[in-house]
């Protein structure tokens, strides 16, 4: 699968990172 380094790909990566941080935050303070 080929990833294009354009705005949409950057936005998708940012959303994934935010979800990871939110998950880690909830795990750490549960």
PDB file of N, CA and C in Angstrom:
ATOM      1  N   UNK A   1       0.837  -1.200   0.000  1.00  0.00           N
ATOM      2  CA  UNK A   1       0.000   0.000   0.000  1.00  0.00           C
ATOM      3  C   UNK A   1       0.875   1.254   0.000  1.00  0.00           C
ATOM      4  N   UNK A   2       0.528   2.178  -0.851  1.00  0.00           N
ATOM      5  CA  UNK A   2       1.362   3.366  -1.034  1.00  0.00           C
ATOM      6  C   UNK A   2       0.763   4.561  -0.308  1.00  0.00           C
ATOM      7  N   UNK A   3       1.579   5.230   0.478  1.00  0.00           N
ATOM      8  CA  UNK A   3       1.108   6.412   1.192  1.00  0.00           C
ATOM      9  C   UNK A   3       1.649   7.663   0.524  1.00  0.00           C
ATOM     10  N   UNK A   4       0.737   8.587   0.251  1.00  0.00           N
ATOM     11  CA  UNK A   4       1.167   9.864  -0.300  1.00  0.00           C
ATOM     12  C   UNK A   4       1.314  10.868   0.828  1.00  0.00           C
ATOM     13  N   UNK A   5       2.430  11.567   0.838  1.00  0.00           N
ATOM     14  CA  UNK A   5       2.686  12.529   1.902  1.00  0.00           C
ATOM     15  C   UNK A   5       2.050  13.875   1.548  1.00  0.00           C
ATOM     16  N   UNK A   6       0.700  13.855   1.566  1.00  0.00           N
ATOM     17  CA  UNK A   6      -0.003  15.097   1.281  1.00  0.00           C
ATOM     18  C   UNK A   6      -0.781  15.533   2.521  1.00  0.00           C
ATOM     19  N   UNK A   7      -1.624  16.533   2.393  1.00  0.00           N
ATOM     20  CA  UNK A   7      -2.358  17.056   3.537  1.00  0.00           C
ATOM     21  C   UNK A   7      -3.258  16.018   4.179  1.00  0.00           C
ATOM     22  N   UNK A   8      -3.933  15.210   3.356  1.00  0.00           N
ATOM     23  CA  UNK A   8      -4.875  14.238   3.911  1.00  0.00           C
ATOM     24  C   UNK A   8      -4.152  13.151   4.693  1.00  0.00           C
ATOM     25  N   UNK A   9      -3.006  12.721   4.206  1.00  0.00           N
ATOM     26  CA  UNK A   9      -2.227  11.709   4.913  1.00  0.00           C
ATOM     27  C   UNK A   9      -1.705  12.276   6.228  1.00  0.00           C
ATOM     28  N   UNK A  10      -1.255  13.516   6.197  1.00  0.00           N
ATOM     29  CA  UNK A  10      -0.756  14.161   7.405  1.00  0.00           C
ATOM     30  C   UNK A  10      -1.866  14.286   8.443  1.00  0.00           C
ATOM     31  N   UNK A  11      -3.075  14.622   7.981  1.00  0.00           N
ATOM     32  CA  UNK A  11      -4.215  14.744   8.884  1.00  0.00           C
ATOM     33  C   UNK A  11      -4.582  13.398   9.489  1.00  0.00           C
ATOM     34  N   UNK A  12      -4.524  12.347   8.687  1.00  0.00           N
ATOM     35  CA  UNK A  12      -4.841  11.000   9.183  1.00  0.00           C
ATOM     36  C   UNK A  12      -3.840  10.577  10.255  1.00  0.00           C
ATOM     37  N   UNK A  13      -2.563  10.839  10.010  1.00  0.00           N
ATOM     38  CA  UNK A  13      -1.535  10.493  10.993  1.00  0.00           C
ATOM     39  C   UNK A  13      -1.728  11.274  12.287  1.00  0.00           C
ATOM     40  N   UNK A  14      -2.137  12.533  12.147  1.00  0.00           N
ATOM     41  CA  UNK A  14      -2.364  13.360  13.333  1.00  0.00           C
ATOM     42  C   UNK A  14      -3.542  12.811  14.150  1.00  0.00           C
ATOM     43  N   UNK A  15      -4.578  12.379  13.480  1.00  0.00           N
ATOM     44  CA  UNK A  15      -5.735  11.821  14.191  1.00  0.00           C
ATOM     45  C   UNK A  15      -5.360  10.525  14.904  1.00  0.00           C
ATOM     46  N   UNK A  16      -4.568   9.685  14.240  1.00  0.00           N
ATOM     47  CA  UNK A  16      -4.118   8.433  14.858  1.00  0.00           C
ATOM     48  C   UNK A  16      -3.287   8.725  16.102  1.00  0.00           C
ATOM     49  N   UNK A  17      -2.396   9.687  16.003  1.00  0.00           N
ATOM     50  CA  UNK A  17      -1.543  10.048  17.138  1.00  0.00           C
ATOM     51  C   UNK A  17      -2.378  10.576  18.301  1.00  0.00           C
ATOM     52  N   UNK A  18      -3.394  11.386  17.986  1.00  0.00           N
ATOM     53  CA  UNK A  18      -4.260  11.919  19.037  1.00  0.00           C
ATOM     54  C   UNK A  18      -5.010  10.793  19.742  1.00  0.00           C
ATOM     55  N   UNK A  19      -5.475   9.814  18.970  1.00  0.00           N
ATOM     56  CA  UNK A  19      -6.183   8.680  19.566  1.00  0.00           C
ATOM     57  C   UNK A  19      -5.246   7.875  20.462  1.00  0.00           C
ATOM     58  N   UNK A  20      -4.009   7.684  20.023  1.00  0.00           N
ATOM     59  CA  UNK A  20      -3.030   6.954  20.832  1.00  0.00           C
ATOM     60  C   UNK A  20      -2.755   7.684  22.145  1.00  0.00           C
ATOM     61  N   UNK A  21      -2.569   8.999  22.076  1.00  0.00           N
ATOM     62  CA  UNK A  21      -2.295   9.775  23.282  1.00  0.00           C
ATOM     63  C   UNK A  21      -3.492   9.750  24.219  1.00  0.00           C
ATOM     64  N   UNK A  22      -4.698   9.855  23.667  1.00  0.00           N
ATOM     65  CA  UNK A  22      -5.903   9.833  24.487  1.00  0.00           C
ATOM     66  C   UNK A  22      -6.042   8.476  25.172  1.00  0.00           C
ATOM     67  N   UNK A  23      -5.772   7.407  24.449  1.00  0.00           N
ATOM     68  CA  UNK A  23      -5.847   6.059  25.019  1.00  0.00           C
ATOM     69  C   UNK A  23      -4.828   5.889  26.139  1.00  0.00           C
ATOM     70  N   UNK A  24      -3.602   6.330  25.896  1.00  0.00           N
ATOM     71  CA  UNK A  24      -2.544   6.214  26.905  1.00  0.00           C
ATOM     72  C   UNK A  24      -2.895   7.042  28.139  1.00  0.00           C
ATOM     73  N   UNK A  25      -3.489   8.209  27.921  1.00  0.00           N
ATOM     74  CA  UNK A  25      -3.880   9.069  29.028  1.00  0.00           C
ATOM     75  C   UNK A  25      -4.927   8.374  29.895  1.00  0.00           C
ATOM     76  N   UNK A  26      -5.950   7.791  29.259  1.00  0.00           N
ATOM     77  CA  UNK A  26      -7.003   7.096  30.005  1.00  0.00           C
ATOM     78  C   UNK A  26      -6.440   5.881  30.741  1.00  0.00           C
ATOM     79  N   UNK A  27      -5.536   5.148  30.098  1.00  0.00           N
ATOM     80  CA  UNK A  27      -4.937   3.974  30.740  1.00  0.00           C
ATOM     81  C   UNK A  27      -4.120   4.384  31.970  1.00  0.00           C
ATOM     82  N   UNK A  28      -3.406   5.486  31.840  1.00  0.00           N
ATOM     83  CA  UNK A  28      -2.529   5.925  32.918  1.00  0.00           C
ATOM     84  C   UNK A  28      -3.299   6.446  34.132  1.00  0.00           C
ATOM     85  N   UNK A  29      -4.513   6.962  33.911  1.00  0.00           N
ATOM     86  CA  UNK A  29      -5.259   7.587  34.996  1.00  0.00           C
ATOM     87  C   UNK A  29      -6.545   6.852  35.328  1.00  0.00           C
ATOM     88  N   UNK A  30      -6.651   5.594  34.906  1.00  0.00           N
ATOM     89  CA  UNK A  30      -7.861   4.824  35.187  1.00  0.00           C
ATOM     90  C   UNK A  30      -7.836   4.275  36.614  1.00  0.00           C
TER      91      UNK A  30
END
